[in-house]
Amino acid sequence: MKTLSNTTKRTSLAALFSLAIVGFAIATPSHADEMMQSQVLAAHTSELNTQMMQAEQALELELEQQTSEQVAAAESQFVAKICQHNDLGYDAETSSCIR
């Protein structure tokens, strides 16, 4: 069996070293791109979360106002029915029965 000469060994080692350098050079930008994409994704996610919270707060405020208006109207109708049932007048301004 023939052994490898020193020149062949050096050439093989140099080729292997070159391959490692090229592989590292290719992998590094890919990793950098992944990190950049991750940062962009995190920024977008944060922005979406902020917008979603603002939209939820606006919706909550709107629903709260609608509910308050509906409760006030229902109370007014209830008092008006009580007044009518007792043959009394109803004052919508004060939401009370009048004699």
PDB file of N, CA and C in Angstrom:
ATOM      1  N   MET A   1       0.823  -1.153   0.000  1.00  0.00           N
ATOM      2  CA  MET A   1       0.000   0.000   0.000  1.00  0.00           C
ATOM      3  C   MET A   1       0.882   1.237   0.000  1.00  0.00           C
ATOM      4  N   LYS A   2       0.494   2.157  -0.798  1.00  0.00           N
ATOM      5  CA  LYS A   2       1.279   3.353  -0.991  1.00  0.00           C
ATOM      6  C   LYS A   2       0.858   4.408   0.024  1.00  0.00           C
ATOM      7  N   THR A   3       1.795   5.085   0.639  1.00  0.00           N
ATOM      8  CA  THR A   3       1.468   6.164   1.568  1.00  0.00           C
ATOM      9  C   THR A   3       1.438   7.478   0.811  1.00  0.00           C
ATOM     10  N   LEU A   4       0.723   8.426   1.360  1.00  0.00           N
ATOM     11  CA  LEU A   4       0.611   9.735   0.714  1.00  0.00           C
ATOM     12  C   LEU A   4       1.890  10.512   0.922  1.00  0.00           C
ATOM     13  N   SER A   5       2.270  11.238  -0.091  1.00  0.00           N
ATOM     14  CA  SER A   5       3.475  12.061   0.036  1.00  0.00           C
ATOM     15  C   SER A   5       3.140  13.318   0.832  1.00  0.00           C
ATOM     16  N   ASN A   6       4.168  13.965   1.305  1.00  0.00           N
ATOM     17  CA  ASN A   6       3.971  15.185   2.082  1.00  0.00           C
ATOM     18  C   ASN A   6       3.277  16.258   1.255  1.00  0.00           C
ATOM     19  N   THR A   7       3.566  16.357  -0.022  1.00  0.00           N
ATOM     20  CA  THR A   7       2.937  17.343  -0.891  1.00  0.00           C
ATOM     21  C   THR A   7       1.445  17.070  -1.009  1.00  0.00           C
ATOM     22  N   THR A   8       1.079  15.817  -1.162  1.00  0.00           N
ATOM     23  CA  THR A   8      -0.329  15.444  -1.273  1.00  0.00           C
ATOM     24  C   THR A   8      -1.049  15.731   0.038  1.00  0.00           C
ATOM     25  N   LYS A   9      -0.378  15.433   1.140  1.00  0.00           N
ATOM     26  CA  LYS A   9      -0.975  15.709   2.446  1.00  0.00           C
ATOM     27  C   LYS A   9      -1.209  17.209   2.627  1.00  0.00           C
ATOM     28  N   ARG A  10      -0.212  18.024   2.258  1.00  0.00           N
ATOM     29  CA  ARG A  10      -0.344  19.475   2.393  1.00  0.00           C
ATOM     30  C   ARG A  10      -1.444  20.015   1.488  1.00  0.00           C
ATOM     31  N   THR A  11      -1.511  19.487   0.281  1.00  0.00           N
ATOM     32  CA  THR A  11      -2.540  19.933  -0.667  1.00  0.00           C
ATOM     33  C   THR A  11      -3.926  19.552  -0.149  1.00  0.00           C
ATOM     34  N   SER A  12      -4.052  18.349   0.361  1.00  0.00           N
ATOM     35  CA  SER A  12      -5.332  17.905   0.913  1.00  0.00           C
ATOM     36  C   SER A  12      -5.725  18.747   2.123  1.00  0.00           C
ATOM     37  N   LEU A  13      -4.771  19.033   2.980  1.00  0.00           N
ATOM     38  CA  LEU A  13      -5.032  19.849   4.156  1.00  0.00           C
ATOM     39  C   LEU A  13      -5.406  21.279   3.750  1.00  0.00           C
ATOM     40  N   ALA A  14      -4.736  21.816   2.757  1.00  0.00           N
ATOM     41  CA  ALA A  14      -5.049  23.164   2.276  1.00  0.00           C
ATOM     42  C   ALA A  14      -6.451  23.198   1.657  1.00  0.00           C
ATOM     43  N   ALA A  15      -6.801  22.153   0.914  1.00  0.00           N
ATOM     44  CA  ALA A  15      -8.133  22.086   0.301  1.00  0.00           C
ATOM     45  C   ALA A  15      -9.203  21.994   1.386  1.00  0.00           C
ATOM     46  N   LEU A  16      -8.941  21.186   2.390  1.00  0.00           N
ATOM     47  CA  LEU A  16      -9.878  21.045   3.498  1.00  0.00           C
ATOM     48  C   LEU A  16     -10.025  22.362   4.262  1.00  0.00           C
ATOM     49  N   PHE A  17      -8.927  23.031   4.503  1.00  0.00           N
ATOM     50  CA  PHE A  17      -8.944  24.326   5.179  1.00  0.00           C
ATOM     51  C   PHE A  17      -9.705  25.361   4.345  1.00  0.00           C
ATOM     52  N   SER A  18      -9.476  25.373   3.037  1.00  0.00           N
ATOM     53  CA  SER A  18     -10.180  26.291   2.136  1.00  0.00           C
ATOM     54  C   SER A  18     -11.677  26.011   2.135  1.00  0.00           C
ATOM     55  N   LEU A  19     -12.023  24.743   2.133  1.00  0.00           N
ATOM     56  CA  LEU A  19     -13.427  24.361   2.166  1.00  0.00           C
ATOM     57  C   LEU A  19     -14.084  24.842   3.465  1.00  0.00           C
ATOM     58  N   ALA A  20     -13.365  24.719   4.573  1.00  0.00           N
ATOM     59  CA  ALA A  20     -13.890  25.184   5.864  1.00  0.00           C
ATOM     60  C   ALA A  20     -14.091  26.693   5.844  1.00  0.00           C
ATOM     61  N   ILE A  21     -13.152  27.436   5.278  1.00  0.00           N
ATOM     62  CA  ILE A  21     -13.263  28.897   5.201  1.00  0.00           C
ATOM     63  C   ILE A  21     -14.450  29.298   4.320  1.00  0.00           C
ATOM     64  N   VAL A  22     -14.578  28.663   3.162  1.00  0.00           N
ATOM     65  CA  VAL A  22     -15.695  28.966   2.259  1.00  0.00           C
ATOM     66  C   VAL A  22     -17.026  28.626   2.930  1.00  0.00           C
ATOM     67  N   GLY A  23     -17.083  27.505   3.594  1.00  0.00           N
ATOM     68  CA  GLY A  23     -18.308  27.117   4.303  1.00  0.00           C
ATOM     69  C   GLY A  23     -18.670  28.111   5.384  1.00  0.00           C
ATOM     70  N   PHE A  24     -17.681  28.559   6.135  1.00  0.00           N
ATOM     71  CA  PHE A  24     -17.915  29.552   7.181  1.00  0.00           C
ATOM     72  C   PHE A  24     -18.372  30.877   6.572  1.00  0.00           C
ATOM     73  N   ALA A  25     -17.767  31.262   5.454  1.00  0.00           N
ATOM     74  CA  ALA A  25     -18.135  32.512   4.786  1.00  0.00           C
ATOM     75  C   ALA A  25     -19.572  32.463   4.278  1.00  0.00           C
ATOM     76  N   ILE A  26     -19.995  31.319   3.818  1.00  0.00           N
ATOM     77  CA  ILE A  26     -21.371  31.169   3.326  1.00  0.00           C
ATOM     78  C   ILE A  26     -22.345  31.130   4.497  1.00  0.00           C
ATOM     79  N   ALA A  27     -21.986  30.457   5.571  1.00  0.00           N
ATOM     80  CA  ALA A  27     -22.879  30.308   6.709  1.00  0.00           C
ATOM     81  C   ALA A  27     -23.037  31.603   7.492  1.00  0.00           C
ATOM     82  N   THR A  28     -22.018  32.419   7.600  1.00  0.00           N
ATOM     83  CA  THR A  28     -22.065  33.640   8.404  1.00  0.00           C
ATOM     84  C   THR A  28     -23.100  34.638   7.887  1.00  0.00           C
ATOM     85  N   PRO A  29     -23.121  34.986   6.591  1.00  0.00           N
ATOM     86  CA  PRO A  29     -24.146  35.919   6.146  1.00  0.00           C
ATOM     87  C   PRO A  29     -25.559  35.347   6.322  1.00  0.00           C
ATOM     88  N   SER A  30     -25.689  34.057   6.155  1.00  0.00           N
ATOM     89  CA  SER A  30     -26.992  33.425   6.333  1.00  0.00           C
ATOM     90  C   SER A  30     -27.452  33.606   7.772  1.00  0.00           C
ATOM     91  N   HIS A  31     -26.549  33.424   8.708  1.00  0.00           N
ATOM     92  CA  HIS A  31     -26.874  33.604  10.117  1.00  0.00           C
ATOM     93  C   HIS A  31     -27.191  35.072  10.393  1.00  0.00           C
ATOM     94  N   ALA A  32     -26.440  35.961   9.769  1.00  0.00           N
ATOM     95  CA  ALA A  32     -26.700  37.390   9.937  1.00  0.00           C
ATOM     96  C   ALA A  32     -28.071  37.749   9.373  1.00  0.00           C
ATOM     97  N   ASP A  33     -28.411  37.166   8.227  1.00  0.00           N
ATOM     98  CA  ASP A  33     -29.730  37.416   7.640  1.00  0.00           C
ATOM     99  C   ASP A  33     -30.834  36.917   8.564  1.00  0.00           C
ATOM    100  N   GLU A  34     -30.619  35.749   9.166  1.00  0.00           N
ATOM    101  CA  GLU A  34     -31.612  35.208  10.091  1.00  0.00           C
ATOM    102  C   GLU A  34     -31.774  36.122  11.296  1.00  0.00           C
ATOM    103  N   MET A  35     -30.651  36.650  11.808  1.00  0.00           N
ATOM    104  CA  MET A  35     -30.721  37.558  12.943  1.00  0.00           C
ATOM    105  C   MET A  35     -31.452  38.835  12.558  1.00  0.00           C
ATOM    106  N   MET A  36     -31.180  39.358  11.362  1.00  0.00           N
ATOM    107  CA  MET A  36     -31.832  40.576  10.887  1.00  0.00           C
ATOM    108  C   MET A  36     -33.330  40.330  10.716  1.00  0.00           C
ATOM    109  N   GLN A  37     -33.689  39.186  10.132  1.00  0.00           N
ATOM    110  CA  GLN A  37     -35.094  38.843   9.961  1.00  0.00           C
ATOM    111  C   GLN A  37     -35.774  38.700  11.319  1.00  0.00           C
ATOM    112  N   SER A  38     -35.075  38.128  12.266  1.00  0.00           N
ATOM    113  CA  SER A  38     -35.616  37.956  13.602  1.00  0.00           C
ATOM    114  C   SER A  38     -35.865  39.313  14.260  1.00  0.00           C
ATOM    115  N   GLN A  39     -34.945  40.247  14.082  1.00  0.00           N
ATOM    116  CA  GLN A  39     -35.102  41.589  14.647  1.00  0.00           C
ATOM    117  C   GLN A  39     -36.257  42.327  13.979  1.00  0.00           C
ATOM    118  N   VAL A  40     -36.365  42.197  12.659  1.00  0.00           N
ATOM    119  CA  VAL A  40     -37.460  42.836  11.930  1.00  0.00           C
ATOM    120  C   VAL A  40     -38.794  42.241  12.371  1.00  0.00           C
ATOM    121  N   LEU A  41     -38.833  40.932  12.518  1.00  0.00           N
ATOM    122  CA  LEU A  41     -40.051  40.261  12.964  1.00  0.00           C
ATOM    123  C   LEU A  41     -40.435  40.714  14.366  1.00  0.00           C
ATOM    124  N   ALA A  42     -39.457  40.841  15.243  1.00  0.00           N
ATOM    125  CA  ALA A  42     -39.734  41.300  16.610  1.00  0.00           C
ATOM    126  C   ALA A  42     -40.274  42.726  16.595  1.00  0.00           C
ATOM    127  N   ALA A  43     -39.710  43.575  15.761  1.00  0.00           N
ATOM    128  CA  ALA A  43     -40.182  44.966  15.673  1.00  0.00           C
ATOM    129  C   ALA A  43     -41.616  45.016  15.139  1.00  0.00           C
ATOM    130  N   HIS A  44     -41.890  44.228  14.105  1.00  0.00           N
ATOM    131  CA  HIS A  44     -43.251  44.191  13.546  1.00  0.00           C
ATOM    132  C   HIS A  44     -44.244  43.639  14.569  1.00  0.00           C
ATOM    133  N   THR A  45     -43.844  42.602  15.284  1.00  0.00           N
ATOM    134  CA  THR A  45     -44.704  42.011  16.293  1.00  0.00           C
ATOM    135  C   THR A  45     -45.020  43.024  17.384  1.00  0.00           C
ATOM    136  N   SER A  46     -44.009  43.764  17.806  1.00  0.00           N
ATOM    137  CA  SER A  46     -44.210  44.787  18.827  1.00  0.00           C
ATOM    138  C   SER A  46     -45.172  45.863  18.332  1.00  0.00           C
ATOM    139  N   GLU A  47     -44.986  46.304  17.100  1.00  0.00           N
ATOM    140  CA  GLU A  47     -45.868  47.321  16.514  1.00  0.00           C
ATOM    141  C   GLU A  47     -47.301  46.803  16.406  1.00  0.00           C
ATOM    142  N   LEU A  48     -47.459  45.559  15.970  1.00  0.00           N
ATOM    143  CA  LEU A  48     -48.801  44.974  15.869  1.00  0.00           C
ATOM    144  C   LEU A  48     -49.454  44.858  17.245  1.00  0.00           C
ATOM    145  N   ASN A  49     -48.679  44.470  18.248  1.00  0.00           N
ATOM    146  CA  ASN A  49     -49.220  44.370  19.605  1.00  0.00           C
ATOM    147  C   ASN A  49     -49.703  45.732  20.094  1.00  0.00           C
ATOM    148  N   THR A  50     -48.920  46.779  19.826  1.00  0.00           N
ATOM    149  CA  THR A  50     -49.304  48.131  20.222  1.00  0.00           C
ATOM    150  C   THR A  50     -50.581  48.551  19.524  1.00  0.00           C
ATOM    151  N   GLN A  51     -50.654  48.323  18.219  1.00  0.00           N
ATOM    152  CA  GLN A  51     -51.853  48.690  17.464  1.00  0.00           C
ATOM    153  C   GLN A  51     -53.064  47.890  17.935  1.00  0.00           C
ATOM    154  N   MET A  52     -52.863  46.625  18.243  1.00  0.00           N
ATOM    155  CA  MET A  52     -53.955  45.777  18.694  1.00  0.00           C
ATOM    156  C   MET A  52     -54.473  46.250  20.051  1.00  0.00           C
ATOM    157  N   MET A  53     -53.569  46.615  20.949  1.00  0.00           N
ATOM    158  CA  MET A  53     -53.984  47.114  22.256  1.00  0.00           C
ATOM    159  C   MET A  53     -54.775  48.410  22.105  1.00  0.00           C
ATOM    160  N   GLN A  54     -54.323  49.296  21.220  1.00  0.00           N
ATOM    161  CA  GLN A  54     -55.034  50.558  21.003  1.00  0.00           C
ATOM    162  C   GLN A  54     -56.422  50.297  20.425  1.00  0.00           C
ATOM    163  N   ALA A  55     -56.513  49.381  19.481  1.00  0.00           N
ATOM    164  CA  ALA A  55     -57.811  49.051  18.878  1.00  0.00           C
ATOM    165  C   ALA A  55     -58.741  48.418  19.914  1.00  0.00           C
ATOM    166  N   GLU A  56     -58.199  47.544  20.761  1.00  0.00           N
ATOM    167  CA  GLU A  56     -59.014  46.910  21.799  1.00  0.00           C
ATOM    168  C   GLU A  56     -59.513  47.943  22.807  1.00  0.00           C
ATOM    169  N   GLN A  57     -58.661  48.890  23.169  1.00  0.00           N
ATOM    170  CA  GLN A  57     -59.065  49.931  24.110  1.00  0.00           C
ATOM    171  C   GLN A  57     -60.150  50.812  23.510  1.00  0.00           C
ATOM    172  N   ALA A  58     -60.010  51.162  22.231  1.00  0.00           N
ATOM    173  CA  ALA A  58     -61.025  51.976  21.559  1.00  0.00           C
ATOM    174  C   ALA A  58     -62.351  51.215  21.489  1.00  0.00           C
ATOM    175  N   LEU A  59     -62.289  49.937  21.159  1.00  0.00           N
ATOM    176  CA  LEU A  59     -63.496  49.118  21.095  1.00  0.00           C
ATOM    177  C   LEU A  59     -64.141  48.985  22.473  1.00  0.00           C
ATOM    178  N   GLU A  60     -63.316  48.777  23.493  1.00  0.00           N
ATOM    179  CA  GLU A  60     -63.832  48.655  24.859  1.00  0.00           C
ATOM    180  C   GLU A  60     -64.543  49.943  25.283  1.00  0.00           C
ATOM    181  N   LEU A  61     -63.954  51.086  24.967  1.00  0.00           N
ATOM    182  CA  LEU A  61     -64.561  52.371  25.303  1.00  0.00           C
ATOM    183  C   LEU A  61     -65.886  52.547  24.569  1.00  0.00           C
ATOM    184  N   GLU A  62     -65.906  52.207  23.290  1.00  0.00           N
ATOM    185  CA  GLU A  62     -67.134  52.318  22.497  1.00  0.00           C
ATOM    186  C   GLU A  62     -68.232  51.409  23.047  1.00  0.00           C
ATOM    187  N   LEU A  63     -67.876  50.175  23.369  1.00  0.00           N
ATOM    188  CA  LEU A  63     -68.868  49.243  23.915  1.00  0.00           C
ATOM    189  C   LEU A  63     -69.360  49.699  25.287  1.00  0.00           C
ATOM    190  N   GLU A  64     -68.468  50.258  26.076  1.00  0.00           N
ATOM    191  CA  GLU A  64     -68.857  50.766  27.392  1.00  0.00           C
ATOM    192  C   GLU A  64     -69.854  51.923  27.246  1.00  0.00           C
ATOM    193  N   GLN A  65     -69.607  52.798  26.286  1.00  0.00           N
ATOM    194  CA  GLN A  65     -70.523  53.910  26.046  1.00  0.00           C
ATOM    195  C   GLN A  65     -71.881  53.406  25.558  1.00  0.00           C
ATOM    196  N   GLN A  66     -71.859  52.454  24.636  1.00  0.00           N
ATOM    197  CA  GLN A  66     -73.119  51.884  24.137  1.00  0.00           C
ATOM    198  C   GLN A  66     -73.897  51.217  25.258  1.00  0.00           C
ATOM    199  N   THR A  67     -73.205  50.480  26.103  1.00  0.00           N
ATOM    200  CA  THR A  67     -73.854  49.792  27.214  1.00  0.00           C
ATOM    201  C   THR A  67     -74.468  50.810  28.181  1.00  0.00           C
ATOM    202  N   SER A  68     -73.737  51.867  28.478  1.00  0.00           N
ATOM    203  CA  SER A  68     -74.260  52.906  29.374  1.00  0.00           C
ATOM    204  C   SER A  68     -75.514  53.547  28.795  1.00  0.00           C
ATOM    205  N   GLU A  69     -75.501  53.809  27.490  1.00  0.00           N
ATOM    206  CA  GLU A  69     -76.672  54.395  26.839  1.00  0.00           C
ATOM    207  C   GLU A  69     -77.855  53.426  26.880  1.00  0.00           C
ATOM    208  N   GLN A  70     -77.588  52.152  26.639  1.00  0.00           N
ATOM    209  CA  GLN A  70     -78.658  51.157  26.668  1.00  0.00           C
ATOM    210  C   GLN A  70     -79.232  50.993  28.067  1.00  0.00           C
ATOM    211  N   VAL A  71     -78.369  51.008  29.080  1.00  0.00           N
ATOM    212  CA  VAL A  71     -78.836  50.882  30.466  1.00  0.00           C
ATOM    213  C   VAL A  71     -79.682  52.100  30.833  1.00  0.00           C
ATOM    214  N   ALA A  72     -79.228  53.295  30.449  1.00  0.00           N
ATOM    215  CA  ALA A  72     -79.991  54.516  30.743  1.00  0.00           C
ATOM    216  C   ALA A  72     -81.359  54.479  30.071  1.00  0.00           C
ATOM    217  N   ALA A  73     -81.399  54.030  28.821  1.00  0.00           N
ATOM    218  CA  ALA A  73     -82.680  53.934  28.106  1.00  0.00           C
ATOM    219  C   ALA A  73     -83.589  52.901  28.763  1.00  0.00           C
ATOM    220  N   ALA A  74     -83.038  51.761  29.151  1.00  0.00           N
ATOM    221  CA  ALA A  74     -83.838  50.706  29.797  1.00  0.00           C
ATOM    222  C   ALA A  74     -84.374  51.192  31.143  1.00  0.00           C
ATOM    223  N   GLU A  75     -83.533  51.888  31.909  1.00  0.00           N
ATOM    224  CA  GLU A  75     -83.985  52.426  33.195  1.00  0.00           C
ATOM    225  C   GLU A  75     -85.115  53.431  32.988  1.00  0.00           C
ATOM    226  N   SER A  76     -84.950  54.277  31.996  1.00  0.00           N
ATOM    227  CA  SER A  76     -85.972  55.280  31.699  1.00  0.00           C
ATOM    228  C   SER A  76     -87.296  54.613  31.331  1.00  0.00           C
ATOM    229  N   GLN A  77     -87.244  53.581  30.495  1.00  0.00           N
ATOM    230  CA  GLN A  77     -88.459  52.855  30.111  1.00  0.00           C
ATOM    231  C   GLN A  77     -89.091  52.171  31.319  1.00  0.00           C
ATOM    232  N   PHE A  78     -88.263  51.616  32.182  1.00  0.00           N
ATOM    233  CA  PHE A  78     -88.765  50.915  33.370  1.00  0.00           C
ATOM    234  C   PHE A  78     -89.490  51.894  34.295  1.00  0.00           C
ATOM    235  N   VAL A  79     -88.882  53.039  34.545  1.00  0.00           N
ATOM    236  CA  VAL A  79     -89.503  54.039  35.414  1.00  0.00           C
ATOM    237  C   VAL A  79     -90.786  54.563  34.773  1.00  0.00           C
ATOM    238  N   ALA A  80     -90.764  54.776  33.453  1.00  0.00           N
ATOM    239  CA  ALA A  80     -91.970  55.245  32.757  1.00  0.00           C
ATOM    240  C   ALA A  80     -93.103  54.233  32.903  1.00  0.00           C
ATOM    241  N   LYS A  81     -92.802  52.944  32.826  1.00  0.00           N
ATOM    242  CA  LYS A  81     -93.838  51.916  33.002  1.00  0.00           C
ATOM    243  C   LYS A  81     -94.384  51.921  34.429  1.00  0.00           C
ATOM    244  N   ILE A  82     -93.508  52.096  35.403  1.00  0.00           N
ATOM    245  CA  ILE A  82     -93.945  52.156  36.803  1.00  0.00           C
ATOM    246  C   ILE A  82     -94.873  53.353  36.995  1.00  0.00           C
ATOM    247  N   CYS A  83     -94.465  54.493  36.438  1.00  0.00           N
ATOM    248  CA  CYS A  83     -95.296  55.698  36.554  1.00  0.00           C
ATOM    249  C   CYS A  83     -96.660  55.465  35.909  1.00  0.00           C
ATOM    250  N   GLN A  84     -96.653  54.881  34.737  1.00  0.00           N
ATOM    251  CA  GLN A  84     -97.916  54.628  34.019  1.00  0.00           C
ATOM    252  C   GLN A  84     -98.783  53.643  34.813  1.00  0.00           C
ATOM    253  N   HIS A  85     -98.161  52.632  35.369  1.00  0.00           N
ATOM    254  CA  HIS A  85     -98.885  51.630  36.151  1.00  0.00           C
ATOM    255  C   HIS A  85     -99.564  52.261  37.370  1.00  0.00           C
ATOM    256  N   ASN A  86     -98.943  53.273  37.943  1.00  0.00           N
ATOM    257  CA  ASN A  86     -99.484  53.945  39.134  1.00  0.00           C
ATOM    258  C   ASN A  86    -100.259  55.219  38.778  1.00  0.00           C
ATOM    259  N   ASP A  87    -100.596  55.376  37.513  1.00  0.00           N
ATOM    260  CA  ASP A  87    -101.354  56.535  37.017  1.00  0.00           C
ATOM    261  C   ASP A  87    -100.670  57.857  37.366  1.00  0.00           C
ATOM    262  N   LEU A  88     -99.371  57.892  37.177  1.00  0.00           N
ATOM    263  CA  LEU A  88     -98.592  59.105  37.404  1.00  0.00           C
ATOM    264  C   LEU A  88     -97.952  59.536  36.091  1.00  0.00           C
ATOM    265  N   GLY A  89     -97.638  60.812  36.035  1.00  0.00           N
ATOM    266  CA  GLY A  89     -96.921  61.297  34.856  1.00  0.00           C
ATOM    267  C   GLY A  89     -95.441  60.939  34.949  1.00  0.00           C
ATOM    268  N   TYR A  90     -94.779  61.046  33.851  1.00  0.00           N
ATOM    269  CA  TYR A  90     -93.348  60.696  33.820  1.00  0.00           C
ATOM    270  C   TYR A  90     -92.566  61.892  33.302  1.00  0.00           C
ATOM    271  N   ASP A  91     -91.548  62.296  34.039  1.00  0.00           N
ATOM    272  CA  ASP A  91     -90.666  63.385  33.625  1.00  0.00           C
ATOM    273  C   ASP A  91     -89.369  62.778  33.099  1.00  0.00           C
ATOM    274  N   ALA A  92     -89.183  62.843  31.771  1.00  0.00           N
ATOM    275  CA  ALA A  92     -88.015  62.232  31.127  1.00  0.00           C
ATOM    276  C   ALA A  92     -86.721  62.940  31.501  1.00  0.00           C
ATOM    277  N   GLU A  93     -86.799  64.224  31.811  1.00  0.00           N
ATOM    278  CA  GLU A  93     -85.610  64.991  32.142  1.00  0.00           C
ATOM    279  C   GLU A  93     -85.000  64.524  33.462  1.00  0.00           C
ATOM    280  N   THR A  94     -85.843  64.251  34.444  1.00  0.00           N
ATOM    281  CA  THR A  94     -85.358  63.791  35.745  1.00  0.00           C
ATOM    282  C   THR A  94     -85.507  62.287  35.922  1.00  0.00           C
ATOM    283  N   SER A  95     -86.124  61.644  34.936  1.00  0.00           N
ATOM    284  CA  SER A  95     -86.379  60.200  34.969  1.00  0.00           C
ATOM    285  C   SER A  95     -87.101  59.812  36.246  1.00  0.00           C
ATOM    286  N   SER A  96     -88.205  60.549  36.498  1.00  0.00           N
ATOM    287  CA  SER A  96     -88.976  60.273  37.707  1.00  0.00           C
ATOM    288  C   SER A  96     -90.457  60.485  37.434  1.00  0.00           C
ATOM    289  N   CYS A  97     -91.252  59.940  38.358  1.00  0.00           N
ATOM    290  CA  CYS A  97     -92.700  60.097  38.263  1.00  0.00           C
ATOM    291  C   CYS A  97     -93.090  61.468  38.843  1.00  0.00           C
ATOM    292  N   ILE A  98     -94.136  62.049  38.253  1.00  0.00           N
ATOM    293  CA  ILE A  98     -94.657  63.305  38.764  1.00  0.00           C
ATOM    294  C   ILE A  98     -96.141  63.143  39.036  1.00  0.00           C
ATOM    295  N   ARG A  99     -96.653  63.888  40.004  1.00  0.00           N
ATOM    296  CA  ARG A  99     -98.073  63.791  40.360  1.00  0.00           C
ATOM    297  C   ARG A  99     -98.875  64.761  39.586  1.00  0.00           C
TER     298      ARG A  99
END
